[in-house]
Amino acid sequence: MPLDPQLVPILETLEARAAPPIQDVPLELARRHARATPMLPVPWIEVGEARELALPGPGGDIRAHLYRPAGSGPHAVLLWLHGGGWVMPWTPGNDACCRLLCRDAGVVVLAPEYRLAPEHPFPAALQDARAALEHVAAGGLGAGVDPARICVGGSSAGGNLAAALCLEARDRGGPTPTRQLLLYPALDATLEHASIEENRDGPLLTSEQLAWFWDRYLPPGTDRRDPLCSPLHARSLAGLPPALVISADLDPLRDEAEAYARRLVAAGVPVRLTRYTGVVHGAALLLGQLDAGRAMLEQCAAELAAAG
């Protein structure tokens, strides 16, 4: 499948400016690089309010970003879990994604900066995501928020956490998200899918980098088929929230995302699966330059708005 024509100059620019591959540099250097001024312009999207806050978490306070749309509400909430292989921090691109979702869907967006691996390996990030979900469900965001309408979503590693959080909520008896949005999620730590070999050289995510991220996230000896790290291996997906699953044709993670959507359908869960062709992993972060990346987020926003 050829690249989306818009991606050609984008990738040329990124290649000219890029730091060395993440697996070849000290992790803190890679994190500083990610937090710095983005290599591509990030669009400014106005929302009613945007601020930072601290959420109570099992490892101490969790820094989080809160976005409110215009109007008094009560608004539904989207708990958004950012990508970055469980090891990379919040970036300016994540801010732009959350602003678009808030504005276009008319929902409050809460994006926690969960603890990062390898300093805090699995299941620390999932525990922080659960704490954020429980905080919202308990009314912790105050007026203008409907704690009975909480959607969860995320991209890449964040999609992994969102899917695992829905499984955990079902098995623990709540709080139960009303919908899940999974953008090119990582759902199987066994790395056994054909697209991992087919798209091994990326761009933007290579199979070598994917394996490197999983090795940082999972402590030695972890069962890689544990559903809370590999949701695709859950015994049953019945009873999970309706899902939007988005895959990218040129992404190593394509096949596991689509396999998860098929399993959800087989379990009786309402699912909408969309594959974007000619598109790479991380496309949503390119929303300022790539129409398909922006379309992914607009599709998520439309799904949220339609759900009410």
Protein backbone atom coordinates (compact mmCIF):
# COMPACT_ATOMS: atom_id res chain seq x y z
CA MET A 1 0.00 0.00 0.00
CA PRO A 2 1.55 3.36 -1.02
CA LEU A 3 1.89 6.18 1.47
CA ASP A 4 -0.78 8.84 1.71
CA PRO A 5 0.73 11.61 -0.47
CA GLN A 6 0.53 14.08 2.40
CA LEU A 7 2.84 11.86 4.43
CA VAL A 8 5.77 12.09 2.02
CA PRO A 9 6.89 15.65 2.91
CA ILE A 10 5.96 15.10 6.56
CA LEU A 11 8.24 12.07 6.84
CA GLU A 12 11.03 13.88 4.99
CA THR A 13 10.82 16.72 7.51
CA LEU A 14 10.74 14.36 10.48
CA GLU A 15 13.69 12.37 9.14
CA ALA A 16 15.75 15.53 8.70
CA ARG A 17 15.02 16.70 12.25
CA ALA A 18 14.69 13.45 14.13
CA ALA A 19 16.75 12.38 17.10
CA PRO A 20 18.45 8.96 17.01
CA PRO A 21 16.13 5.96 17.45
CA ILE A 22 14.78 5.75 20.98
CA GLN A 23 16.48 2.42 21.66
CA ASP A 24 19.88 3.95 20.83
CA VAL A 25 19.90 6.92 23.24
CA PRO A 26 19.52 7.38 27.01
CA LEU A 27 15.82 7.33 27.83
CA GLU A 28 15.83 10.65 29.69
CA LEU A 29 17.37 12.32 26.63
CA ALA A 30 14.60 10.87 24.45
CA ARG A 31 12.00 12.12 26.93
CA ARG A 32 13.44 15.64 26.95
CA HIS A 33 13.40 15.60 23.17
CA ALA A 34 9.72 14.57 23.16
CA ARG A 35 8.72 17.27 25.66
CA ALA A 36 10.51 20.00 23.70
CA THR A 37 9.07 22.15 20.94
CA PRO A 38 7.37 19.77 18.47
CA MET A 39 9.16 19.04 15.22
CA LEU A 40 5.97 19.89 13.33
CA PRO A 41 3.56 22.75 14.14
CA VAL A 42 0.77 21.83 16.54
CA PRO A 43 -2.58 23.52 15.90
CA TRP A 44 -4.08 25.69 18.60
CA ILE A 45 -7.68 24.66 19.31
CA GLU A 46 -9.73 26.83 21.63
CA VAL A 47 -11.81 25.18 24.36
CA GLY A 48 -13.89 26.56 27.19
CA GLU A 49 -11.22 25.85 29.80
CA ALA A 50 -7.91 24.03 29.95
CA ARG A 51 -5.94 23.55 33.14
CA GLU A 52 -3.78 21.11 35.06
CA LEU A 53 -4.77 19.38 38.28
CA ALA A 54 -3.58 16.63 40.60
CA LEU A 55 -5.51 13.38 41.03
CA PRO A 56 -5.04 11.00 43.95
CA GLY A 57 -3.22 7.86 42.84
CA PRO A 58 -1.74 4.69 44.29
CA GLY A 59 1.81 6.03 43.83
CA GLY A 60 1.08 9.60 44.86
CA ASP A 61 -0.58 12.47 43.06
CA ILE A 62 -1.08 12.06 39.31
CA ARG A 63 -0.61 15.15 37.19
CA ALA A 64 -3.50 15.47 34.75
CA HIS A 65 -4.84 17.79 32.06
CA LEU A 66 -8.48 18.85 32.12
CA TYR A 67 -10.36 20.34 29.17
CA ARG A 68 -13.92 21.65 29.39
CA PRO A 69 -16.10 22.67 26.46
CA ALA A 70 -18.11 25.87 26.42
CA GLY A 71 -21.42 25.71 28.25
CA SER A 72 -22.45 24.66 31.71
CA GLY A 73 -23.24 21.00 31.00
CA PRO A 74 -23.53 18.52 32.56
CA HIS A 75 -21.09 17.07 30.04
CA ALA A 76 -20.00 13.50 29.44
CA VAL A 77 -16.35 12.76 30.21
CA LEU A 78 -13.64 11.22 28.08
CA LEU A 79 -10.77 9.71 30.04
CA TRP A 80 -7.98 9.93 27.47
CA LEU A 81 -4.76 7.91 27.88
CA HIS A 82 -1.84 9.13 25.81
CA GLY A 83 0.49 6.97 23.75
CA GLY A 84 4.26 6.70 23.87
CA GLY A 85 5.03 3.05 24.47
CA TRP A 86 4.28 3.36 28.21
CA VAL A 87 7.69 5.04 28.57
CA MET A 88 7.35 8.42 26.83
CA PRO A 89 5.78 11.50 28.45
CA TRP A 90 2.94 13.84 27.62
CA THR A 91 3.75 15.99 24.58
CA PRO A 92 2.31 19.09 22.85
CA GLY A 93 0.69 16.83 20.26
CA ASN A 94 -1.33 15.13 23.01
CA ASP A 95 -2.63 18.53 24.09
CA ALA A 96 -3.86 19.30 20.56
CA CYS A 97 -5.63 15.93 20.30
CA CYS A 98 -7.44 16.48 23.60
CA ARG A 99 -8.48 19.99 22.62
CA LEU A 100 -9.99 18.77 19.36
CA LEU A 101 -11.90 15.97 21.09
CA CYS A 102 -13.19 18.36 23.75
CA ARG A 103 -14.34 21.01 21.29
CA ASP A 104 -15.81 18.78 18.58
CA ALA A 105 -17.50 16.22 20.86
CA GLY A 106 -18.62 18.71 23.51
CA VAL A 107 -17.20 16.53 26.29
CA VAL A 108 -14.93 17.11 29.24
CA VAL A 109 -11.57 15.46 28.58
CA LEU A 110 -9.36 14.27 31.43
CA ALA A 111 -5.87 13.13 30.44
CA PRO A 112 -3.71 11.77 33.29
CA GLU A 113 0.07 11.59 33.05
CA TYR A 114 0.28 8.04 34.34
CA ARG A 115 3.52 6.67 35.77
CA LEU A 116 6.04 5.65 33.13
CA ALA A 117 8.05 2.49 32.63
CA PRO A 118 10.66 1.20 33.14
CA GLU A 119 10.83 3.06 36.46
CA HIS A 120 7.20 2.08 37.06
CA PRO A 121 6.47 -1.05 35.03
CA PHE A 122 3.19 -2.89 34.46
CA PRO A 123 0.71 -2.57 36.08
CA ALA A 124 1.53 0.93 37.41
CA ALA A 125 0.13 2.83 34.41
CA LEU A 126 -3.07 0.79 34.52
CA GLN A 127 -3.42 1.42 38.26
CA ASP A 128 -3.17 5.16 37.63
CA ALA A 129 -5.76 4.94 34.84
CA ARG A 130 -8.10 3.10 37.22
CA ALA A 131 -7.57 5.77 39.89
CA ALA A 132 -8.49 8.47 37.38
CA LEU A 133 -11.63 6.56 36.34
CA GLU A 134 -12.66 6.11 39.97
CA HIS A 135 -12.04 9.79 40.68
CA VAL A 136 -14.36 10.87 37.86
CA ALA A 137 -17.03 8.31 38.79
CA ALA A 138 -17.01 9.57 42.38
CA GLY A 139 -17.79 13.11 41.20
CA GLY A 140 -14.25 14.36 41.67
CA LEU A 141 -14.41 16.76 38.72
CA GLY A 142 -17.22 18.77 40.32
CA ALA A 143 -20.07 20.64 38.67
CA GLY A 144 -20.78 20.46 34.97
CA VAL A 145 -19.73 16.81 34.69
CA ASP A 146 -21.99 13.76 34.45
CA PRO A 147 -20.12 10.98 36.29
CA ALA A 148 -22.51 8.39 34.84
CA ARG A 149 -21.27 9.08 31.30
CA ILE A 150 -17.57 8.24 31.20
CA CYS A 151 -15.92 7.08 27.99
CA VAL A 152 -12.34 5.84 27.90
CA GLY A 153 -9.97 6.08 24.98
CA GLY A 154 -6.38 6.30 23.94
CA SER A 155 -3.87 5.84 21.16
CA SER A 156 -1.18 3.17 20.88
CA ALA A 157 -0.05 2.34 24.44
CA GLY A 158 -2.95 4.51 25.64
CA GLY A 159 -5.31 2.32 23.61
CA ASN A 160 -3.83 -0.67 25.40
CA LEU A 161 -4.56 0.93 28.77
CA ALA A 162 -8.09 1.90 27.72
CA ALA A 163 -8.91 -1.64 26.59
CA ALA A 164 -7.38 -3.17 29.73
CA LEU A 165 -9.26 -0.69 31.91
CA CYS A 166 -12.57 -1.76 30.36
CA LEU A 167 -11.75 -5.43 30.98
CA GLU A 168 -10.76 -4.72 34.56
CA ALA A 169 -13.87 -2.61 35.21
CA ARG A 170 -16.10 -5.41 33.91
CA ASP A 171 -14.43 -8.00 36.09
CA ARG A 172 -14.27 -5.80 39.18
CA GLY A 173 -17.88 -4.62 38.84
CA GLY A 174 -17.19 -0.99 37.88
CA PRO A 175 -16.97 1.87 37.49
CA THR A 176 -18.12 0.91 34.00
CA PRO A 177 -17.18 3.08 31.00
CA THR A 178 -19.98 3.66 28.54
CA ARG A 179 -17.76 3.50 25.43
CA GLN A 180 -14.16 2.81 24.40
CA LEU A 181 -12.15 4.53 21.67
CA LEU A 182 -9.06 2.60 20.58
CA LEU A 183 -6.68 4.30 18.10
CA TYR A 184 -4.10 1.90 16.65
CA PRO A 185 -3.89 0.15 20.05
CA ALA A 186 -1.16 -2.23 21.22
CA LEU A 187 -3.10 -5.28 22.38
CA ASP A 188 -0.81 -8.30 22.21
CA ALA A 189 2.62 -8.51 23.81
CA THR A 190 3.42 -11.81 22.07
CA LEU A 191 4.27 -9.92 18.83
CA GLU A 192 2.90 -12.75 16.69
CA HIS A 193 0.86 -10.87 14.06
CA ALA A 194 1.67 -10.71 10.35
CA SER A 195 1.60 -6.89 10.20
CA ILE A 196 4.52 -6.74 12.64
CA GLU A 197 6.71 -8.35 10.00
CA GLU A 198 4.99 -6.69 7.04
CA ASN A 199 5.50 -3.19 8.51
CA ARG A 200 8.68 -3.96 10.44
CA ASP A 201 10.51 -0.88 9.11
CA GLY A 202 7.79 1.60 10.02
CA PRO A 203 7.87 4.49 9.36
CA LEU A 204 7.42 6.19 12.76
CA LEU A 205 7.16 2.86 14.60
CA THR A 206 9.37 -0.10 13.72
CA SER A 207 8.93 -3.63 14.96
CA GLU A 208 12.26 -3.34 16.79
CA GLN A 209 11.01 -0.27 18.63
CA LEU A 210 7.72 -2.00 19.44
CA ALA A 211 9.56 -4.90 21.05
CA TRP A 212 11.78 -2.43 22.93
CA PHE A 213 8.72 -0.67 24.37
CA TRP A 214 7.11 -3.93 25.49
CA ASP A 215 10.37 -5.01 27.15
CA ARG A 216 10.46 -1.76 29.15
CA TYR A 217 6.80 -2.01 30.16
CA LEU A 218 6.67 -5.65 31.27
CA PRO A 219 8.87 -6.87 34.14
CA PRO A 220 10.86 -10.05 33.50
CA GLY A 221 8.71 -13.12 33.97
CA THR A 222 5.42 -11.39 33.16
CA ASP A 223 2.90 -13.64 31.40
CA ARG A 224 2.63 -11.90 28.03
CA ARG A 225 -0.87 -13.34 27.58
CA ASP A 226 -2.18 -11.71 30.75
CA PRO A 227 -5.30 -9.86 29.53
CA LEU A 228 -4.41 -6.75 31.52
CA CYS A 229 -1.28 -6.30 29.41
CA SER A 230 -2.53 -8.16 26.31
CA PRO A 231 -6.31 -7.59 26.10
CA LEU A 232 -6.51 -9.63 22.90
CA HIS A 233 -5.86 -12.73 25.02
CA ALA A 234 -8.81 -12.19 27.37
CA ARG A 235 -10.87 -15.38 27.65
CA SER A 236 -14.07 -13.46 26.90
CA LEU A 237 -14.82 -9.97 25.62
CA ALA A 238 -18.52 -10.21 26.37
CA GLY A 239 -20.05 -7.39 28.38
CA LEU A 240 -17.52 -4.75 27.34
CA PRO A 241 -18.55 -1.22 26.30
CA PRO A 242 -19.29 -0.42 22.64
CA ALA A 243 -16.08 0.32 20.80
CA LEU A 244 -14.60 2.37 18.01
CA VAL A 245 -11.39 0.72 16.79
CA ILE A 246 -9.14 2.57 14.36
CA SER A 247 -6.23 0.91 12.60
CA ALA A 248 -3.57 2.21 10.20
CA ASP A 249 -2.63 0.19 7.14
CA LEU A 250 1.14 0.72 7.45
CA ASP A 251 1.30 0.15 11.21
CA PRO A 252 2.93 -2.91 12.81
CA LEU A 253 -0.05 -2.95 15.22
CA ARG A 254 -2.69 -3.10 12.47
CA ASP A 255 -3.56 -6.79 12.70
CA GLU A 256 -3.96 -7.00 16.47
CA ALA A 257 -6.27 -3.98 16.50
CA GLU A 258 -8.45 -5.53 13.82
CA ALA A 259 -8.37 -8.96 15.49
CA TYR A 260 -9.62 -7.33 18.70
CA ALA A 261 -12.48 -5.66 16.82
CA ARG A 262 -13.49 -9.01 15.31
CA ARG A 263 -13.44 -10.67 18.73
CA LEU A 264 -15.59 -7.88 20.17
CA VAL A 265 -18.14 -8.41 17.40
CA ALA A 266 -18.15 -12.16 18.02
CA ALA A 267 -18.80 -11.45 21.72
CA GLY A 268 -21.84 -9.33 20.89
CA VAL A 269 -20.24 -5.94 21.58
CA PRO A 270 -21.27 -3.13 19.19
CA VAL A 271 -18.13 -2.17 17.24
CA ARG A 272 -17.16 0.22 14.49
CA LEU A 273 -13.83 -0.66 12.86
CA THR A 274 -12.11 1.75 10.47
CA ARG A 275 -8.83 1.08 8.70
CA TYR A 276 -7.08 4.18 7.34
CA THR A 277 -5.08 3.22 4.25
CA GLY A 278 -1.66 4.55 3.37
CA VAL A 279 -1.33 5.82 6.94
CA VAL A 280 1.27 5.10 9.62
CA HIS A 281 1.28 4.60 13.35
CA GLY A 282 0.88 7.82 15.32
CA ALA A 283 -1.06 9.57 12.56
CA ALA A 284 -3.39 11.39 14.95
CA LEU A 285 -0.44 13.34 16.37
CA LEU A 286 0.06 14.77 12.87
CA LEU A 287 -3.40 16.38 12.89
CA GLY A 288 -1.95 19.74 11.85
CA GLN A 289 -0.48 18.41 8.60
CA LEU A 290 -2.20 15.10 7.80
CA ASP A 291 -5.88 15.08 6.88
CA ALA A 292 -6.18 11.40 7.75
CA GLY A 293 -4.75 12.00 11.23
CA ARG A 294 -7.24 14.76 11.89
CA ALA A 295 -10.01 12.57 10.46
CA MET A 296 -9.22 9.87 13.01
CA LEU A 297 -9.81 12.31 15.85
CA GLU A 298 -12.90 13.78 14.19
CA GLN A 299 -14.31 10.27 13.90
CA CYS A 300 -13.70 9.75 17.62
CA ALA A 301 -15.41 13.06 18.39
CA ALA A 302 -18.40 12.17 16.21
CA GLU A 303 -18.69 8.82 17.98
CA LEU A 304 -18.70 10.56 21.36
CA ALA A 305 -21.21 13.20 20.27
CA ALA A 306 -23.58 10.56 18.85
CA ALA A 307 -23.41 8.56 22.09
CA GLY A 308 -24.64 11.61 24.02
